[in-house]
Amino acid sequence: MERLLHLDRTLDELDGPAWPPAPPDATGLVTKVHALRRRPLSGLSPSDLRTLVTQQVSLPYVLPLAVALLLEDPLLDAYFHEGDLLLAVCGLPGSAWALFPDLAERLTAAVKDLPTDAIAELPWLARGEGLGGFGG
């Protein structure tokens, strides 16, 4: 995946302007997201990627990393349960995939090979669609 460049850089560097530190009264989630933007991409765990995806933060940089993991293990347990990263990625609006129709097609193909009960929570697949309307 040629998009996975600059893994030694942070989201604040790549997707500026840099965010200020989280306010002292911020929620734990806000504090975490602000901190994740200052971590090098190579240091983001599957759980970190799930958090950033669900918050739709810096998706042009985060989504290719998440998809790379999902192509290896579509039902990866990132934090909460088996398939939680996949559900987060599948919950993105179609506009999130506009830059990545090839990744959407590849992930859709990988998911279609999973057992039916494993993909029951993915309504786009039940309708015969691909991610973001691609790959159907």
C-alpha atoms as a PDB file:
ATOM      1  CA  MET A   1       0.000   0.000   0.000  1.00  0.00           C
ATOM      2  CA  GLU A   2       1.837   2.993  -1.289  1.00  0.00           C
ATOM      3  CA  ARG A   3      -0.290   5.345   0.834  1.00  0.00           C
ATOM      4  CA  LEU A   4       1.363   4.088   4.008  1.00  0.00           C
ATOM      5  CA  LEU A   5       4.213   6.548   3.792  1.00  0.00           C
ATOM      6  CA  HIS A   6       5.486   8.799   6.539  1.00  0.00           C
ATOM      7  CA  LEU A   7       4.789   6.306   9.301  1.00  0.00           C
ATOM      8  CA  ASP A   8       7.350   8.124  11.426  1.00  0.00           C
ATOM      9  CA  ARG A   9       5.245  11.308  11.361  1.00  0.00           C
ATOM     10  CA  THR A  10       2.227  12.300  13.431  1.00  0.00           C
ATOM     11  CA  LEU A  11      -1.267  13.293  12.373  1.00  0.00           C
ATOM     12  CA  ASP A  12      -0.560  16.777  13.683  1.00  0.00           C
ATOM     13  CA  GLU A  13       2.358  16.961  11.237  1.00  0.00           C
ATOM     14  CA  LEU A  14       0.545  15.387   8.292  1.00  0.00           C
ATOM     15  CA  ASP A  15      -2.951  16.756   8.778  1.00  0.00           C
ATOM     16  CA  GLY A  16      -2.357  20.235  10.172  1.00  0.00           C
ATOM     17  CA  PRO A  17      -2.773  22.549  11.683  1.00  0.00           C
ATOM     18  CA  ALA A  18      -1.624  20.873  14.863  1.00  0.00           C
ATOM     19  CA  TRP A  19      -4.258  20.594  17.536  1.00  0.00           C
ATOM     20  CA  PRO A  20      -3.611  22.328  20.862  1.00  0.00           C
ATOM     21  CA  PRO A  21      -3.526  20.194  23.993  1.00  0.00           C
ATOM     22  CA  ALA A  22      -6.933  19.065  25.181  1.00  0.00           C
ATOM     23  CA  PRO A  23      -8.528  21.446  27.670  1.00  0.00           C
ATOM     24  CA  PRO A  24      -8.175  20.447  31.335  1.00  0.00           C
ATOM     25  CA  ASP A  25     -11.911  19.749  31.616  1.00  0.00           C
ATOM     26  CA  ALA A  26     -12.075  17.628  28.440  1.00  0.00           C
ATOM     27  CA  THR A  27     -13.574  14.153  28.470  1.00  0.00           C
ATOM     28  CA  GLY A  28     -11.307  11.135  28.420  1.00  0.00           C
ATOM     29  CA  LEU A  29     -12.138  10.534  24.767  1.00  0.00           C
ATOM     30  CA  VAL A  30     -11.225  14.082  23.732  1.00  0.00           C
ATOM     31  CA  THR A  31      -7.980  13.878  25.697  1.00  0.00           C
ATOM     32  CA  LYS A  32      -7.159  10.529  24.072  1.00  0.00           C
ATOM     33  CA  VAL A  33      -7.834  11.753  20.524  1.00  0.00           C
ATOM     34  CA  HIS A  34      -5.689  14.849  21.046  1.00  0.00           C
ATOM     35  CA  ALA A  35      -2.868  12.637  22.353  1.00  0.00           C
ATOM     36  CA  LEU A  36      -3.205  10.183  19.436  1.00  0.00           C
ATOM     37  CA  ARG A  37      -2.691  13.015  16.951  1.00  0.00           C
ATOM     38  CA  ARG A  38       0.782  13.530  18.452  1.00  0.00           C
ATOM     39  CA  ARG A  39       1.806   9.852  18.205  1.00  0.00           C
ATOM     40  CA  PRO A  40       3.734   8.652  15.121  1.00  0.00           C
ATOM     41  CA  LEU A  41       1.505   6.668  12.767  1.00  0.00           C
ATOM     42  CA  SER A  42       3.691   3.601  13.268  1.00  0.00           C
ATOM     43  CA  GLY A  43       2.863   3.731  16.991  1.00  0.00           C
ATOM     44  CA  LEU A  44      -0.912   3.603  16.571  1.00  0.00           C
ATOM     45  CA  SER A  45      -2.443   0.366  17.818  1.00  0.00           C
ATOM     46  CA  PRO A  46      -5.571  -1.249  16.380  1.00  0.00           C
ATOM     47  CA  SER A  47      -7.468   0.216  19.339  1.00  0.00           C
ATOM     48  CA  ASP A  48      -6.082   3.679  18.562  1.00  0.00           C
ATOM     49  CA  LEU A  49      -7.127   3.333  14.933  1.00  0.00           C
ATOM     50  CA  ARG A  50     -10.625   2.255  15.987  1.00  0.00           C
ATOM     51  CA  THR A  51     -10.893   5.353  18.176  1.00  0.00           C
ATOM     52  CA  LEU A  52      -9.725   7.668  15.400  1.00  0.00           C
ATOM     53  CA  VAL A  53     -12.001   6.025  12.825  1.00  0.00           C
ATOM     54  CA  THR A  54     -15.088   6.240  15.032  1.00  0.00           C
ATOM     55  CA  GLN A  55     -14.322   9.904  15.689  1.00  0.00           C
ATOM     56  CA  GLN A  56     -13.603  10.431  11.972  1.00  0.00           C
ATOM     57  CA  VAL A  57     -10.264  12.084  12.702  1.00  0.00           C
ATOM     58  CA  SER A  58      -7.704  12.401   9.889  1.00  0.00           C
ATOM     59  CA  LEU A  59      -9.329   9.646   7.848  1.00  0.00           C
ATOM     60  CA  PRO A  60      -7.104  10.134   4.767  1.00  0.00           C
ATOM     61  CA  TYR A  61      -4.210   8.909   6.934  1.00  0.00           C
ATOM     62  CA  VAL A  62      -5.993   6.608   9.378  1.00  0.00           C
ATOM     63  CA  LEU A  63      -8.287   4.688   7.032  1.00  0.00           C
ATOM     64  CA  PRO A  64      -5.503   3.108   4.918  1.00  0.00           C
ATOM     65  CA  LEU A  65      -3.800   1.915   8.118  1.00  0.00           C
ATOM     66  CA  ALA A  66      -7.027   0.382   9.418  1.00  0.00           C
ATOM     67  CA  VAL A  67      -7.790  -1.285   6.094  1.00  0.00           C
ATOM     68  CA  ALA A  68      -4.277  -2.755   5.941  1.00  0.00           C
ATOM     69  CA  LEU A  69      -4.929  -4.489   9.271  1.00  0.00           C
ATOM     70  CA  LEU A  70      -8.399  -5.612   8.209  1.00  0.00           C
ATOM     71  CA  LEU A  71      -7.161  -7.137   4.973  1.00  0.00           C
ATOM     72  CA  GLU A  72      -4.940  -9.383   7.095  1.00  0.00           C
ATOM     73  CA  ASP A  73      -7.622 -10.109   9.711  1.00  0.00           C
ATOM     74  CA  PRO A  74     -11.112  -8.757   8.938  1.00  0.00           C
ATOM     75  CA  LEU A  75     -12.463  -9.774  12.347  1.00  0.00           C
ATOM     76  CA  LEU A  76      -9.592  -8.252  14.306  1.00  0.00           C
ATOM     77  CA  ASP A  77     -10.456  -7.530  17.936  1.00  0.00           C
ATOM     78  CA  ALA A  78      -9.160  -3.974  18.321  1.00  0.00           C
ATOM     79  CA  TYR A  79     -10.488  -3.356  21.816  1.00  0.00           C
ATOM     80  CA  PHE A  80     -14.097  -4.276  22.563  1.00  0.00           C
ATOM     81  CA  HIS A  81     -14.854  -7.466  20.638  1.00  0.00           C
ATOM     82  CA  GLU A  82     -14.024  -9.476  17.544  1.00  0.00           C
ATOM     83  CA  GLY A  83     -14.737  -7.366  14.467  1.00  0.00           C
ATOM     84  CA  ASP A  84     -14.940  -4.019  16.273  1.00  0.00           C
ATOM     85  CA  LEU A  85     -12.472  -2.293  13.940  1.00  0.00           C
ATOM     86  CA  LEU A  86     -14.364  -3.623  10.930  1.00  0.00           C
ATOM     87  CA  LEU A  87     -17.655  -2.318  12.331  1.00  0.00           C
ATOM     88  CA  ALA A  88     -16.064   1.093  12.924  1.00  0.00           C
ATOM     89  CA  VAL A  89     -14.748   1.226   9.361  1.00  0.00           C
ATOM     90  CA  CYS A  90     -18.075   0.037   7.950  1.00  0.00           C
ATOM     91  CA  GLY A  91     -19.863   2.757   9.887  1.00  0.00           C
ATOM     92  CA  LEU A  92     -18.121   5.510   7.957  1.00  0.00           C
ATOM     93  CA  PRO A  93     -20.137   7.529   5.468  1.00  0.00           C
ATOM     94  CA  GLY A  94     -19.603   6.890   1.772  1.00  0.00           C
ATOM     95  CA  SER A  95     -17.754  10.197   1.484  1.00  0.00           C
ATOM     96  CA  ALA A  96     -14.942   8.787   3.645  1.00  0.00           C
ATOM     97  CA  TRP A  97     -14.212   6.263   0.889  1.00  0.00           C
ATOM     98  CA  ALA A  98     -14.138   8.754  -1.991  1.00  0.00           C
ATOM     99  CA  LEU A  99     -10.335   8.887  -1.947  1.00  0.00           C
ATOM    100  CA  PHE A 100     -10.034   5.125  -1.571  1.00  0.00           C
ATOM    101  CA  PRO A 101     -12.381   3.248  -3.914  1.00  0.00           C
ATOM    102  CA  ASP A 102      -9.703   0.588  -4.426  1.00  0.00           C
ATOM    103  CA  LEU A 103      -9.394  -0.024  -0.693  1.00  0.00           C
ATOM    104  CA  ALA A 104     -13.169  -0.177  -0.356  1.00  0.00           C
ATOM    105  CA  GLU A 105     -13.341  -2.796  -3.109  1.00  0.00           C
ATOM    106  CA  ARG A 106     -10.542  -4.875  -1.589  1.00  0.00           C
ATOM    107  CA  LEU A 107     -12.060  -4.776   1.882  1.00  0.00           C
ATOM    108  CA  THR A 108     -15.543  -5.555   0.553  1.00  0.00           C
ATOM    109  CA  ALA A 109     -14.137  -8.600  -1.247  1.00  0.00           C
ATOM    110  CA  ALA A 110     -12.331  -9.779   1.893  1.00  0.00           C
ATOM    111  CA  VAL A 111     -15.451  -9.378   4.013  1.00  0.00           C
ATOM    112  CA  LYS A 112     -17.655 -11.257   1.551  1.00  0.00           C
ATOM    113  CA  ASP A 113     -15.516 -14.339   2.187  1.00  0.00           C
ATOM    114  CA  LEU A 114     -16.412 -14.333   5.900  1.00  0.00           C
ATOM    115  CA  PRO A 115     -19.091 -16.604   7.383  1.00  0.00           C
ATOM    116  CA  THR A 116     -22.620 -15.160   7.219  1.00  0.00           C
ATOM    117  CA  ASP A 117     -23.003 -14.888  10.992  1.00  0.00           C
ATOM    118  CA  ALA A 118     -19.766 -12.907  11.201  1.00  0.00           C
ATOM    119  CA  ILE A 119     -21.098 -10.206   8.882  1.00  0.00           C
ATOM    120  CA  ALA A 120     -24.703 -10.078  10.099  1.00  0.00           C
ATOM    121  CA  GLU A 121     -24.143  -6.613  11.611  1.00  0.00           C
ATOM    122  CA  LEU A 122     -22.980  -5.144   8.304  1.00  0.00           C
ATOM    123  CA  PRO A 123     -26.187  -3.961   6.626  1.00  0.00           C
ATOM    124  CA  TRP A 124     -24.442  -2.608   3.512  1.00  0.00           C
ATOM    125  CA  LEU A 125     -23.258  -6.126   2.688  1.00  0.00           C
ATOM    126  CA  ALA A 126     -26.692  -7.644   3.230  1.00  0.00           C
ATOM    127  CA  ARG A 127     -28.010  -5.178   0.639  1.00  0.00           C
ATOM    128  CA  GLY A 128     -25.311  -6.308  -1.794  1.00  0.00           C
ATOM    129  CA  GLU A 129     -23.429  -3.017  -1.591  1.00  0.00           C
ATOM    130  CA  GLY A 130     -19.784  -2.346  -1.046  1.00  0.00           C
ATOM    131  CA  LEU A 131     -18.230   0.113   1.359  1.00  0.00           C
ATOM    132  CA  GLY A 132     -19.240   3.620   0.479  1.00  0.00           C
ATOM    133  CA  GLY A 133     -21.166   2.311  -2.502  1.00  0.00           C
ATOM    134  CA  PHE A 134     -18.043   0.740  -4.026  1.00  0.00           C
ATOM    135  CA  GLY A 135     -17.316  -2.879  -4.748  1.00  0.00           C
ATOM    136  CA  GLY A 136     -20.916  -4.085  -4.728  1.00  0.00           C
END
